[in-house]
Amino acid sequence: MPSIPQPLDPDDDGSAAPAVAAALAAYEAGTSGPADVLAALSGARLLVPVVAMLTESEVGAHGLRQEKESEMALPKLVGHDGRHAVLAFTGTDALTRWRKDARPIQAGTLQVCQAAVHEEAAAVVVDVAGPVQFVIEGEVLRALAAVESGTLDRLADVTVARMEPAPPRRRWFSRRNA
């Protein structure tokens, strides 16, 4: 039977780490680059969302469909190009901005990257609904995952210390007005 993981920090109040929030704000303002954000995130706690997924429903006594069975799931974001991304949030404010019914699970940034690579996701999208969205993808994602798994020596084609200028920011989703 699966067990509920123990929190990384039982006293965590759900706030974004000040260093991470400052790095993301500077990145958004254009006064720092992605390397600064990655440096702040590398040792930070992130929150991975868990949401309820209806697996079985039934029609109740009043003719209304009602939940019979549900499971908890880790949602993935699907980009315009069909690539999948793992969602992570810097704090509960950013998590509830995305989805109020999502429940947080604490994980280190490197653990989230490792899980994304394991799930064959193309990216980790941090704070998808803001205040500042940041995407970890490509060689950087694979390198951070390798650091967590201890397999960095197997990634000869990845340079961790050198960061190229940031490419134009891509959106992983579109906002549609209802």
Protein backbone atom coordinates (compact mmCIF):
# COMPACT_ATOMS: atom_id res chain seq x y z
CA MET A 1 0.00 0.00 0.00
CA PRO A 2 1.40 3.45 -0.91
CA SER A 3 2.41 5.61 1.98
CA ILE A 4 2.03 9.36 2.38
CA PRO A 5 5.46 10.98 2.10
CA GLN A 6 6.76 12.86 5.11
CA PRO A 7 7.14 16.62 4.58
CA LEU A 8 10.64 17.97 4.00
CA ASP A 9 9.98 20.64 6.61
CA PRO A 10 7.02 20.09 8.96
CA ASP A 11 7.18 23.79 9.96
CA ASP A 12 6.91 25.04 6.36
CA ASP A 13 4.29 27.80 6.17
CA GLY A 14 3.94 27.51 2.39
CA SER A 15 5.59 30.82 1.59
CA ALA A 16 7.97 31.16 -1.32
CA ALA A 17 11.59 31.27 -0.20
CA PRO A 18 12.69 34.94 -0.12
CA ALA A 19 15.77 34.24 -2.27
CA VAL A 20 13.64 32.48 -4.90
CA ALA A 21 11.02 35.24 -4.92
CA ALA A 22 13.73 37.89 -5.29
CA ALA A 23 15.46 35.99 -8.11
CA LEU A 24 12.19 35.56 -10.00
CA ALA A 25 11.27 39.23 -9.55
CA ALA A 26 14.69 40.33 -10.83
CA TYR A 27 14.35 37.93 -13.77
CA GLU A 28 10.93 39.38 -14.63
CA ALA A 29 12.31 42.91 -14.36
CA GLY A 30 15.19 41.99 -16.69
CA THR A 31 17.88 42.78 -14.13
CA SER A 32 19.06 39.18 -13.83
CA GLY A 33 19.14 36.10 -15.98
CA PRO A 34 18.01 32.50 -15.79
CA ALA A 35 21.27 31.43 -14.13
CA ASP A 36 20.38 33.55 -11.09
CA VAL A 37 16.95 31.96 -10.88
CA LEU A 38 18.43 28.47 -11.24
CA ALA A 39 20.95 29.23 -8.51
CA ALA A 40 18.14 30.30 -6.16
CA LEU A 41 16.00 27.31 -7.09
CA SER A 42 18.75 24.69 -6.89
CA GLY A 43 18.43 24.18 -3.15
CA ALA A 44 14.87 25.39 -2.73
CA ARG A 45 11.71 23.59 -1.76
CA LEU A 46 9.00 23.56 -4.39
CA LEU A 47 5.39 22.47 -4.11
CA VAL A 48 4.13 19.85 -6.55
CA PRO A 49 0.34 19.86 -6.97
CA VAL A 50 -1.91 16.90 -6.35
CA VAL A 51 -5.53 17.04 -7.54
CA ALA A 52 -8.53 14.73 -7.22
CA MET A 53 -9.52 12.92 -10.42
CA LEU A 54 -12.98 11.41 -10.72
CA THR A 55 -12.66 7.73 -11.63
CA GLU A 56 -16.25 6.61 -11.20
CA SER A 57 -19.57 8.38 -10.77
CA GLU A 58 -23.17 7.34 -10.31
CA VAL A 59 -26.61 8.87 -10.58
CA GLY A 60 -27.98 9.64 -7.13
CA ALA A 61 -31.50 9.49 -5.73
CA HIS A 62 -32.39 12.93 -7.15
CA GLY A 63 -31.18 12.15 -10.66
CA LEU A 64 -27.91 14.06 -10.27
CA ARG A 65 -24.53 12.61 -11.15
CA GLN A 66 -22.33 12.31 -8.06
CA GLU A 67 -18.86 11.13 -7.23
CA LYS A 68 -18.52 7.47 -6.35
CA GLU A 69 -14.75 7.06 -6.51
CA SER A 70 -11.78 9.36 -7.07
CA GLU A 71 -7.99 9.17 -7.03
CA MET A 72 -5.27 11.72 -6.36
CA ALA A 73 -3.10 12.56 -9.37
CA LEU A 74 -0.12 14.71 -10.28
CA PRO A 75 -1.25 16.83 -13.24
CA LYS A 76 0.95 17.55 -16.25
CA LEU A 77 0.78 20.56 -18.51
CA VAL A 78 0.57 19.89 -22.25
CA GLY A 79 2.15 22.55 -24.45
CA HIS A 80 0.93 23.82 -27.80
CA ASP A 81 3.44 21.49 -29.46
CA GLY A 82 2.27 18.41 -27.50
CA ARG A 83 5.23 18.30 -25.11
CA HIS A 84 4.46 17.55 -21.46
CA ALA A 85 5.66 19.54 -18.47
CA VAL A 86 5.63 18.90 -14.75
CA LEU A 87 4.15 21.71 -12.66
CA ALA A 88 5.83 23.08 -9.57
CA PHE A 89 5.17 26.12 -7.44
CA THR A 90 7.31 28.31 -5.21
CA GLY A 91 4.58 28.66 -2.59
CA THR A 92 0.94 28.10 -1.78
CA ASP A 93 -0.05 31.55 -3.11
CA ALA A 94 1.24 30.64 -6.58
CA LEU A 95 -0.34 27.16 -6.30
CA THR A 96 -3.81 28.50 -5.44
CA ARG A 97 -3.49 31.13 -8.16
CA TRP A 98 -3.32 28.18 -10.58
CA ARG A 99 -5.91 25.94 -8.94
CA LYS A 100 -7.56 26.46 -5.57
CA ASP A 101 -8.37 22.76 -5.00
CA ALA A 102 -4.81 21.51 -5.58
CA ARG A 103 -2.95 20.15 -2.58
CA PRO A 104 0.81 20.69 -2.19
CA ILE A 105 3.52 18.10 -1.78
CA GLN A 106 6.95 19.42 -0.79
CA ALA A 107 9.88 18.44 -3.00
CA GLY A 108 13.32 19.81 -3.70
CA THR A 109 13.89 21.42 -7.09
CA LEU A 110 16.37 18.72 -8.06
CA GLN A 111 13.84 16.02 -7.11
CA VAL A 112 11.19 17.68 -9.27
CA CYS A 113 13.62 17.81 -12.21
CA GLN A 114 14.53 14.16 -11.71
CA ALA A 115 10.84 13.19 -11.64
CA ALA A 116 10.19 15.19 -14.82
CA VAL A 117 12.99 13.41 -16.67
CA HIS A 118 11.78 10.05 -15.33
CA GLU A 119 8.26 10.83 -16.61
CA GLU A 120 9.76 11.86 -19.98
CA ALA A 121 8.45 15.40 -19.57
CA ALA A 122 10.14 18.10 -21.62
CA ALA A 123 10.13 20.71 -18.86
CA VAL A 124 9.33 21.79 -15.36
CA VAL A 125 7.15 24.90 -15.33
CA VAL A 126 7.49 26.86 -12.10
CA ASP A 127 4.55 29.10 -11.10
CA VAL A 128 2.61 28.57 -14.34
CA ALA A 129 -0.05 31.12 -13.30
CA GLY A 130 2.45 33.63 -11.95
CA PRO A 131 3.43 35.85 -10.41
CA VAL A 132 6.51 35.01 -12.54
CA GLN A 133 6.59 31.92 -14.73
CA PHE A 134 9.94 30.14 -15.16
CA VAL A 135 10.64 27.11 -17.34
CA ILE A 136 13.43 24.57 -16.76
CA GLU A 137 13.94 22.50 -19.89
CA GLY A 138 16.41 20.84 -22.21
CA GLU A 139 19.98 20.24 -21.13
CA VAL A 140 19.52 22.21 -17.92
CA LEU A 141 16.60 20.01 -16.88
CA ARG A 142 18.57 16.85 -17.63
CA ALA A 143 21.63 18.17 -15.78
CA LEU A 144 19.65 19.07 -12.64
CA ALA A 145 17.99 15.65 -12.73
CA ALA A 146 21.40 14.01 -13.08
CA VAL A 147 22.73 15.94 -10.07
CA GLU A 148 19.86 14.58 -7.96
CA SER A 149 20.31 11.02 -9.19
CA GLY A 150 24.09 11.09 -8.94
CA THR A 151 24.54 10.34 -12.66
CA LEU A 152 26.06 13.66 -13.72
CA ASP A 153 29.20 11.90 -14.99
CA ARG A 154 27.05 10.11 -17.61
CA LEU A 155 26.00 13.38 -19.23
CA ALA A 156 29.16 14.29 -21.12
CA ASP A 157 27.34 16.63 -23.52
CA VAL A 158 25.85 18.84 -20.77
CA THR A 159 27.59 21.93 -19.45
CA VAL A 160 26.11 23.00 -16.16
CA ALA A 161 28.24 26.07 -15.38
CA ARG A 162 27.76 27.99 -18.64
CA MET A 163 24.48 29.71 -19.42
CA GLU A 164 23.68 31.18 -22.82
CA PRO A 165 21.59 34.35 -23.08
CA ALA A 166 17.96 33.56 -22.44
CA PRO A 167 15.95 32.71 -25.53
CA PRO A 168 12.64 34.50 -25.96
CA ARG A 169 10.21 33.30 -23.35
CA ARG A 170 7.77 30.71 -24.62
CA ARG A 171 4.32 30.19 -23.25
CA TRP A 172 3.36 26.63 -22.45
CA PHE A 173 -0.31 27.43 -22.40
CA SER A 174 -2.83 29.87 -23.81
CA ARG A 175 -5.34 31.85 -21.85
CA ARG A 176 -8.80 31.65 -23.28
CA ASN A 177 -11.54 34.00 -22.24
CA ALA A 178 -14.71 32.16 -21.36
